[in-house]
Amino acid sequence: AGGTDNVTCVVLDLTQGPRVVGDGRLLGAVRD
C-alpha cells in the first residue's frame, strides 16, 4: 500500500497450559 512508514505487527494467541520459561524476542530498533 506504499510502505510510507515503519510498520510493526505482533500477533498473539491466548493459550492455556503449564507455565513456560523463556524471555522472548526483540524486534525493530531495540535489536540494536
PDB file of all heavy atoms in Angstrom:
ATOM      1  N   ALA A   1       0.818  -1.215   0.000  1.00  0.00           N
ATOM      2  CA  ALA A   1       0.000   0.000   0.000  1.00  0.00           C
ATOM      3  C   ALA A   1       0.849   1.261   0.000  1.00  0.00           C
ATOM      4  O   ALA A   1       0.314   2.371   0.073  1.00  0.00           O
ATOM      5  CB  ALA A   1      -0.932   0.005   1.208  1.00  0.00           C
ATOM      6  N   GLY A   2       2.147   1.114  -0.094  1.00  0.00           N
ATOM      7  CA  GLY A   2       3.036   2.271  -0.175  1.00  0.00           C
ATOM      8  C   GLY A   2       4.186   2.237   0.801  1.00  0.00           C
ATOM      9  O   GLY A   2       5.220   2.857   0.563  1.00  0.00           O
ATOM     10  N   GLY A   3       4.035   1.559   1.927  1.00  0.00           N
ATOM     11  CA  GLY A   3       5.121   1.447   2.900  1.00  0.00           C
ATOM     12  C   GLY A   3       5.692   2.782   3.323  1.00  0.00           C
ATOM     13  O   GLY A   3       6.908   2.930   3.463  1.00  0.00           O
ATOM     14  N   THR A   4       4.816   3.756   3.562  1.00  0.00           N
ATOM     15  CA  THR A   4       5.268   5.126   3.817  1.00  0.00           C
ATOM     16  C   THR A   4       5.828   5.336   5.212  1.00  0.00           C
ATOM     17  O   THR A   4       6.349   6.414   5.515  1.00  0.00           O
ATOM     18  CB  THR A   4       4.111   6.112   3.583  1.00  0.00           C
ATOM     19  OG1 THR A   4       2.977   5.699   4.355  1.00  0.00           O
ATOM     20  CG2 THR A   4       3.731   6.146   2.110  1.00  0.00           C
ATOM     21  N   ASP A   5       5.723   4.356   6.074  1.00  0.00           N
ATOM     22  CA  ASP A   5       6.217   4.475   7.450  1.00  0.00           C
ATOM     23  C   ASP A   5       6.795   3.136   7.869  1.00  0.00           C
ATOM     24  O   ASP A   5       6.607   2.119   7.200  1.00  0.00           O
ATOM     25  CB  ASP A   5       5.049   4.874   8.368  1.00  0.00           C
ATOM     26  CG  ASP A   5       5.498   5.434   9.718  1.00  0.00           C
ATOM     27  OD1 ASP A   5       6.717   5.473   9.981  1.00  0.00           O
ATOM     28  OD2 ASP A   5       4.625   5.827  10.513  1.00  0.00           O
ATOM     29  N   ASN A   6       7.528   3.152   8.997  1.00  0.00           N
ATOM     30  CA  ASN A   6       7.911   1.880   9.599  1.00  0.00           C
ATOM     31  C   ASN A   6       6.639   1.117   9.958  1.00  0.00           C
ATOM     32  O   ASN A   6       5.631   1.723  10.319  1.00  0.00           O
ATOM     33  CB  ASN A   6       8.703   2.108  10.891  1.00  0.00           C
ATOM     34  CG  ASN A   6       9.861   3.088  10.755  1.00  0.00           C
ATOM     35  OD1 ASN A   6      10.128   3.844  11.682  1.00  0.00           O
ATOM     36  ND2 ASN A   6      10.549   3.095   9.618  1.00  0.00           N
ATOM     37  N   VAL A   7       6.678  -0.198   9.856  1.00  0.00           N
ATOM     38  CA  VAL A   7       5.488  -0.995  10.166  1.00  0.00           C
ATOM     39  C   VAL A   7       5.890  -2.175  11.047  1.00  0.00           C
ATOM     40  O   VAL A   7       6.870  -2.877  10.759  1.00  0.00           O
ATOM     41  CB  VAL A   7       4.772  -1.480   8.886  1.00  0.00           C
ATOM     42  CG1 VAL A   7       5.721  -2.239   7.972  1.00  0.00           C
ATOM     43  CG2 VAL A   7       3.571  -2.329   9.233  1.00  0.00           C
ATOM     44  N   THR A   8       5.145  -2.354  12.128  1.00  0.00           N
ATOM     45  CA  THR A   8       5.404  -3.438  13.064  1.00  0.00           C
ATOM     46  C   THR A   8       4.097  -4.108  13.441  1.00  0.00           C
ATOM     47  O   THR A   8       3.121  -3.430  13.784  1.00  0.00           O
ATOM     48  CB  THR A   8       6.102  -2.922  14.342  1.00  0.00           C
ATOM     49  OG1 THR A   8       7.344  -2.317  13.979  1.00  0.00           O
ATOM     50  CG2 THR A   8       6.359  -4.052  15.323  1.00  0.00           C
ATOM     51  N   CYS A   9       4.071  -5.433  13.370  1.00  0.00           N
ATOM     52  CA  CYS A   9       2.881  -6.211  13.692  1.00  0.00           C
ATOM     53  C   CYS A   9       3.264  -7.354  14.628  1.00  0.00           C
ATOM     54  O   CYS A   9       4.178  -8.125  14.320  1.00  0.00           O
ATOM     55  CB  CYS A   9       2.249  -6.797  12.434  1.00  0.00           C
ATOM     56  SG  CYS A   9       1.790  -5.582  11.189  1.00  0.00           S
ATOM     57  N   VAL A  10       2.591  -7.461  15.752  1.00  0.00           N
ATOM     58  CA  VAL A  10       2.776  -8.556  16.698  1.00  0.00           C
ATOM     59  C   VAL A  10       1.442  -9.277  16.825  1.00  0.00           C
ATOM     60  O   VAL A  10       0.430  -8.655  17.174  1.00  0.00           O
ATOM     61  CB  VAL A  10       3.245  -8.037  18.067  1.00  0.00           C
ATOM     62  CG1 VAL A  10       3.203  -9.155  19.103  1.00  0.00           C
ATOM     63  CG2 VAL A  10       4.647  -7.441  17.965  1.00  0.00           C
ATOM     64  N   VAL A  11       1.429 -10.566  16.537  1.00  0.00           N
ATOM     65  CA  VAL A  11       0.200 -11.366  16.578  1.00  0.00           C
ATOM     66  C   VAL A  11       0.342 -12.394  17.692  1.00  0.00           C
ATOM     67  O   VAL A  11       1.315 -13.157  17.734  1.00  0.00           O
ATOM     68  CB  VAL A  11      -0.051 -12.061  15.222  1.00  0.00           C
ATOM     69  CG1 VAL A  11      -1.297 -12.939  15.294  1.00  0.00           C
ATOM     70  CG2 VAL A  11      -0.196 -11.017  14.113  1.00  0.00           C
ATOM     71  N   LEU A  12      -0.643 -12.415  18.587  1.00  0.00           N
ATOM     72  CA  LEU A  12      -0.583 -13.258  19.775  1.00  0.00           C
ATOM     73  C   LEU A  12      -1.844 -14.099  19.896  1.00  0.00           C
ATOM     74  O   LEU A  12      -2.956 -13.581  19.756  1.00  0.00           O
ATOM     75  CB  LEU A  12      -0.481 -12.388  21.035  1.00  0.00           C
ATOM     76  CG  LEU A  12       0.634 -11.350  21.085  1.00  0.00           C
ATOM     77  CD1 LEU A  12       0.370 -10.383  22.226  1.00  0.00           C
ATOM     78  CD2 LEU A  12       1.993 -12.018  21.234  1.00  0.00           C
ATOM     79  N   ASP A  13      -1.683 -15.366  20.189  1.00  0.00           N
ATOM     80  CA  ASP A  13      -2.800 -16.228  20.542  1.00  0.00           C
ATOM     81  C   ASP A  13      -2.777 -16.449  22.050  1.00  0.00           C
ATOM     82  O   ASP A  13      -1.713 -16.734  22.629  1.00  0.00           O
ATOM     83  CB  ASP A  13      -2.696 -17.579  19.829  1.00  0.00           C
ATOM     84  CG  ASP A  13      -2.948 -17.451  18.335  1.00  0.00           C
ATOM     85  OD1 ASP A  13      -3.735 -16.571  17.938  1.00  0.00           O
ATOM     86  OD2 ASP A  13      -2.353 -18.237  17.569  1.00  0.00           O
ATOM     87  N   LEU A  14      -3.932 -16.305  22.695  1.00  0.00           N
ATOM     88  CA  LEU A  14      -4.021 -16.569  24.120  1.00  0.00           C
ATOM     89  C   LEU A  14      -4.275 -18.057  24.312  1.00  0.00           C
ATOM     90  O   LEU A  14      -5.259 -18.602  23.816  1.00  0.00           O
ATOM     91  CB  LEU A  14      -5.142 -15.745  24.745  1.00  0.00           C
ATOM     92  CG  LEU A  14      -5.199 -15.770  26.276  1.00  0.00           C
ATOM     93  CD1 LEU A  14      -3.950 -15.133  26.866  1.00  0.00           C
ATOM     94  CD2 LEU A  14      -6.452 -15.060  26.783  1.00  0.00           C
ATOM     95  N   THR A  15      -3.362 -18.703  25.023  1.00  0.00           N
ATOM     96  CA  THR A  15      -3.448 -20.142  25.229  1.00  0.00           C
ATOM     97  C   THR A  15      -3.467 -20.452  26.720  1.00  0.00           C
ATOM     98  O   THR A  15      -3.204 -19.584  27.560  1.00  0.00           O
ATOM     99  CB  THR A  15      -2.270 -20.874  24.573  1.00  0.00           C
ATOM    100  OG1 THR A  15      -1.043 -20.485  25.218  1.00  0.00           O
ATOM    101  CG2 THR A  15      -2.167 -20.523  23.094  1.00  0.00           C
ATOM    102  N   GLN A  16      -3.754 -21.716  27.046  1.00  0.00           N
ATOM    103  CA  GLN A  16      -3.792 -22.149  28.434  1.00  0.00           C
ATOM    104  C   GLN A  16      -2.963 -23.404  28.583  1.00  0.00           C
ATOM    105  O   GLN A  16      -3.037 -24.315  27.757  1.00  0.00           O
ATOM    106  CB  GLN A  16      -5.232 -22.407  28.875  1.00  0.00           C
ATOM    107  CG  GLN A  16      -5.400 -22.538  30.375  1.00  0.00           C
ATOM    108  CD  GLN A  16      -6.852 -22.377  30.781  1.00  0.00           C
ATOM    109  OE1 GLN A  16      -7.763 -22.738  30.044  1.00  0.00           O
ATOM    110  NE2 GLN A  16      -7.091 -21.829  31.962  1.00  0.00           N
ATOM    111  N   GLY A  17      -2.152 -23.454  29.637  1.00  0.00           N
ATOM    112  CA  GLY A  17      -1.307 -24.607  29.859  1.00  0.00           C
ATOM    113  C   GLY A  17      -0.342 -24.339  30.984  1.00  0.00           C
ATOM    114  O   GLY A  17      -0.442 -23.320  31.684  1.00  0.00           O
ATOM    115  N   PRO A  18       0.631 -25.212  31.193  1.00  0.00           N
ATOM    116  CA  PRO A  18       1.604 -25.007  32.271  1.00  0.00           C
ATOM    117  C   PRO A  18       2.491 -23.799  31.986  1.00  0.00           C
ATOM    118  O   PRO A  18       2.658 -23.389  30.838  1.00  0.00           O
ATOM    119  CB  PRO A  18       2.419 -26.305  32.252  1.00  0.00           C
ATOM    120  CG  PRO A  18       2.253 -26.833  30.868  1.00  0.00           C
ATOM    121  CD  PRO A  18       0.878 -26.452  30.448  1.00  0.00           C
ATOM    122  N   ARG A  19       3.053 -23.246  33.035  1.00  0.00           N
ATOM    123  CA  ARG A  19       3.946 -22.098  32.885  1.00  0.00           C
ATOM    124  C   ARG A  19       5.160 -22.488  32.049  1.00  0.00           C
ATOM    125  O   ARG A  19       5.711 -23.583  32.207  1.00  0.00           O
ATOM    126  CB  ARG A  19       4.410 -21.588  34.250  1.00  0.00           C
ATOM    127  CG  ARG A  19       5.345 -20.384  34.150  1.00  0.00           C
ATOM    128  CD  ARG A  19       5.788 -19.885  35.510  1.00  0.00           C
ATOM    129  NE  ARG A  19       6.755 -18.813  35.376  1.00  0.00           N
ATOM    130  CZ  ARG A  19       7.338 -18.188  36.395  1.00  0.00           C
ATOM    131  NH1 ARG A  19       7.041 -18.565  37.640  1.00  0.00           N
ATOM    132  NH2 ARG A  19       8.205 -17.221  36.191  1.00  0.00           N
ATOM    133  N   VAL A  20       5.569 -21.590  31.162  1.00  0.00           N
ATOM    134  CA  VAL A  20       6.762 -21.818  30.356  1.00  0.00           C
ATOM    135  C   VAL A  20       7.852 -20.865  30.791  1.00  0.00           C
ATOM    136  O   VAL A  20       7.583 -19.789  31.335  1.00  0.00           O
ATOM    137  CB  VAL A  20       6.465 -21.639  28.850  1.00  0.00           C
ATOM    138  CG1 VAL A  20       5.424 -22.638  28.392  1.00  0.00           C
ATOM    139  CG2 VAL A  20       6.025 -20.219  28.547  1.00  0.00           C
ATOM    140  N   VAL A  21       9.083 -21.262  30.571  1.00  0.00           N
ATOM    141  CA  VAL A  21      10.234 -20.434  30.889  1.00  0.00           C
ATOM    142  C   VAL A  21      10.808 -19.915  29.581  1.00  0.00           C
ATOM    143  O   VAL A  21      11.059 -20.688  28.651  1.00  0.00           O
ATOM    144  CB  VAL A  21      11.312 -21.227  31.660  1.00  0.00           C
ATOM    145  CG1 VAL A  21      12.524 -20.350  31.916  1.00  0.00           C
ATOM    146  CG2 VAL A  21      10.738 -21.754  32.963  1.00  0.00           C
ATOM    147  N   GLY A  22      11.004 -18.622  29.494  1.00  0.00           N
ATOM    148  CA  GLY A  22      11.569 -18.040  28.279  1.00  0.00           C
ATOM    149  C   GLY A  22      11.471 -16.542  28.342  1.00  0.00           C
ATOM    150  O   GLY A  22      10.594 -15.996  29.011  1.00  0.00           O
ATOM    151  N   ASP A  23      12.399 -15.875  27.680  1.00  0.00           N
ATOM    152  CA  ASP A  23      12.399 -14.427  27.747  1.00  0.00           C
ATOM    153  C   ASP A  23      11.562 -13.803  26.637  1.00  0.00           C
ATOM    154  O   ASP A  23      10.641 -13.051  26.878  1.00  0.00           O
ATOM    155  CB  ASP A  23      13.825 -13.872  27.749  1.00  0.00           C
ATOM    156  CG  ASP A  23      14.703 -14.479  26.666  1.00  0.00           C
ATOM    157  OD1 ASP A  23      14.172 -15.223  25.812  1.00  0.00           O
ATOM    158  OD2 ASP A  23      15.916 -14.211  26.664  1.00  0.00           O
ATOM    159  N   GLY A  24      11.845 -14.117  25.385  1.00  0.00           N
ATOM    160  CA  GLY A  24      11.103 -13.520  24.282  1.00  0.00           C
ATOM    161  C   GLY A  24      12.021 -13.029  23.191  1.00  0.00           C
ATOM    162  O   GLY A  24      13.228 -13.286  23.200  1.00  0.00           O
ATOM    163  N   ARG A  25      11.443 -12.281  22.256  1.00  0.00           N
ATOM    164  CA  ARG A  25      12.189 -11.832  21.089  1.00  0.00           C
ATOM    165  C   ARG A  25      12.052 -10.328  20.914  1.00  0.00           C
ATOM    166  O   ARG A  25      10.948  -9.773  20.995  1.00  0.00           O
ATOM    167  CB  ARG A  25      11.671 -12.543  19.835  1.00  0.00           C
ATOM    168  CG  ARG A  25      12.469 -12.203  18.582  1.00  0.00           C
ATOM    169  CD  ARG A  25      11.905 -12.876  17.357  1.00  0.00           C
ATOM    170  NE  ARG A  25      12.671 -12.515  16.176  1.00  0.00           N
ATOM    171  CZ  ARG A  25      12.248 -12.687  14.932  1.00  0.00           C
ATOM    172  NH1 ARG A  25      11.053 -13.224  14.711  1.00  0.00           N
ATOM    173  NH2 ARG A  25      12.998 -12.337  13.907  1.00  0.00           N
ATOM    174  N   LEU A  26      13.181  -9.680  20.672  1.00  0.00           N
ATOM    175  CA  LEU A  26      13.217  -8.251  20.394  1.00  0.00           C
ATOM    176  C   LEU A  26      13.082  -8.018  18.896  1.00  0.00           C
ATOM    177  O   LEU A  26      13.662  -8.757  18.096  1.00  0.00           O
ATOM    178  CB  LEU A  26      14.538  -7.645  20.880  1.00  0.00           C
ATOM    179  CG  LEU A  26      14.832  -7.764  22.378  1.00  0.00           C
ATOM    180  CD1 LEU A  26      16.280  -7.404  22.659  1.00  0.00           C
ATOM    181  CD2 LEU A  26      13.908  -6.875  23.186  1.00  0.00           C
ATOM    182  N   LEU A  27      12.355  -6.970  18.509  1.00  0.00           N
ATOM    183  CA  LEU A  27      12.141  -6.642  17.102  1.00  0.00           C
ATOM    184  C   LEU A  27      12.374  -5.154  16.863  1.00  0.00           C
ATOM    185  O   LEU A  27      12.114  -4.324  17.738  1.00  0.00           O
ATOM    186  CB  LEU A  27      10.702  -6.985  16.685  1.00  0.00           C
ATOM    187  CG  LEU A  27      10.236  -8.430  16.840  1.00  0.00           C
ATOM    188  CD1 LEU A  27       8.735  -8.511  16.629  1.00  0.00           C
ATOM    189  CD2 LEU A  27      10.960  -9.329  15.851  1.00  0.00           C
ATOM    190  N   GLY A  28      12.827  -4.829  15.673  1.00  0.00           N
ATOM    191  CA  GLY A  28      12.957  -3.431  15.285  1.00  0.00           C
ATOM    192  C   GLY A  28      14.178  -2.760  15.883  1.00  0.00           C
ATOM    193  O   GLY A  28      15.225  -3.382  16.079  1.00  0.00           O
ATOM    194  N   ALA A  29      14.043  -1.476  16.205  1.00  0.00           N
ATOM    195  CA  ALA A  29      15.176  -0.678  16.658  1.00  0.00           C
ATOM    196  C   ALA A  29      15.818  -1.233  17.926  1.00  0.00           C
ATOM    197  O   ALA A  29      17.040  -1.126  18.114  1.00  0.00           O
ATOM    198  CB  ALA A  29      14.732   0.765  16.892  1.00  0.00           C
ATOM    199  N   VAL A  30      15.032  -1.849  18.802  1.00  0.00           N
ATOM    200  CA  VAL A  30      15.562  -2.327  20.073  1.00  0.00           C
ATOM    201  C   VAL A  30      16.553  -3.474  19.898  1.00  0.00           C
ATOM    202  O   VAL A  30      17.305  -3.802  20.832  1.00  0.00           O
ATOM    203  CB  VAL A  30      14.404  -2.745  21.006  1.00  0.00           C
ATOM    204  CG1 VAL A  30      13.714  -3.999  20.497  1.00  0.00           C
ATOM    205  CG2 VAL A  30      14.878  -2.922  22.438  1.00  0.00           C
ATOM    206  N   ARG A  31      16.613  -4.074  18.725  1.00  0.00           N
ATOM    207  CA  ARG A  31      17.618  -5.114  18.488  1.00  0.00           C
ATOM    208  C   ARG A  31      19.031  -4.531  18.498  1.00  0.00           C
ATOM    209  O   ARG A  31      20.004  -5.260  18.706  1.00  0.00           O
ATOM    210  CB  ARG A  31      17.348  -5.808  17.156  1.00  0.00           C
ATOM    211  CG  ARG A  31      16.050  -6.604  17.142  1.00  0.00           C
ATOM    212  CD  ARG A  31      15.881  -7.358  15.847  1.00  0.00           C
ATOM    213  NE  ARG A  31      16.897  -8.398  15.704  1.00  0.00           N
ATOM    214  CZ  ARG A  31      17.063  -9.128  14.615  1.00  0.00           C
ATOM    215  NH1 ARG A  31      16.279  -8.929  13.558  1.00  0.00           N
ATOM    216  NH2 ARG A  31      17.988 -10.061  14.555  1.00  0.00           N
ATOM    217  N   ASP A  32      19.152  -3.230  18.278  1.00  0.00           N
ATOM    218  CA  ASP A  32      20.436  -2.539  18.400  1.00  0.00           C
ATOM    219  C   ASP A  32      20.526  -2.017  19.827  1.00  0.00           C
ATOM    220  O   ASP A  32      20.023  -0.938  20.143  1.00  0.00           O
ATOM    221  CB  ASP A  32      20.512  -1.388  17.390  1.00  0.00           C
ATOM    222  CG  ASP A  32      21.846  -0.654  17.447  1.00  0.00           C
ATOM    223  OD1 ASP A  32      22.666  -0.962  18.329  1.00  0.00           O
ATOM    224  OD2 ASP A  32      22.040   0.255  16.616  1.00  0.00           O
TER     225      ASP A  32
END
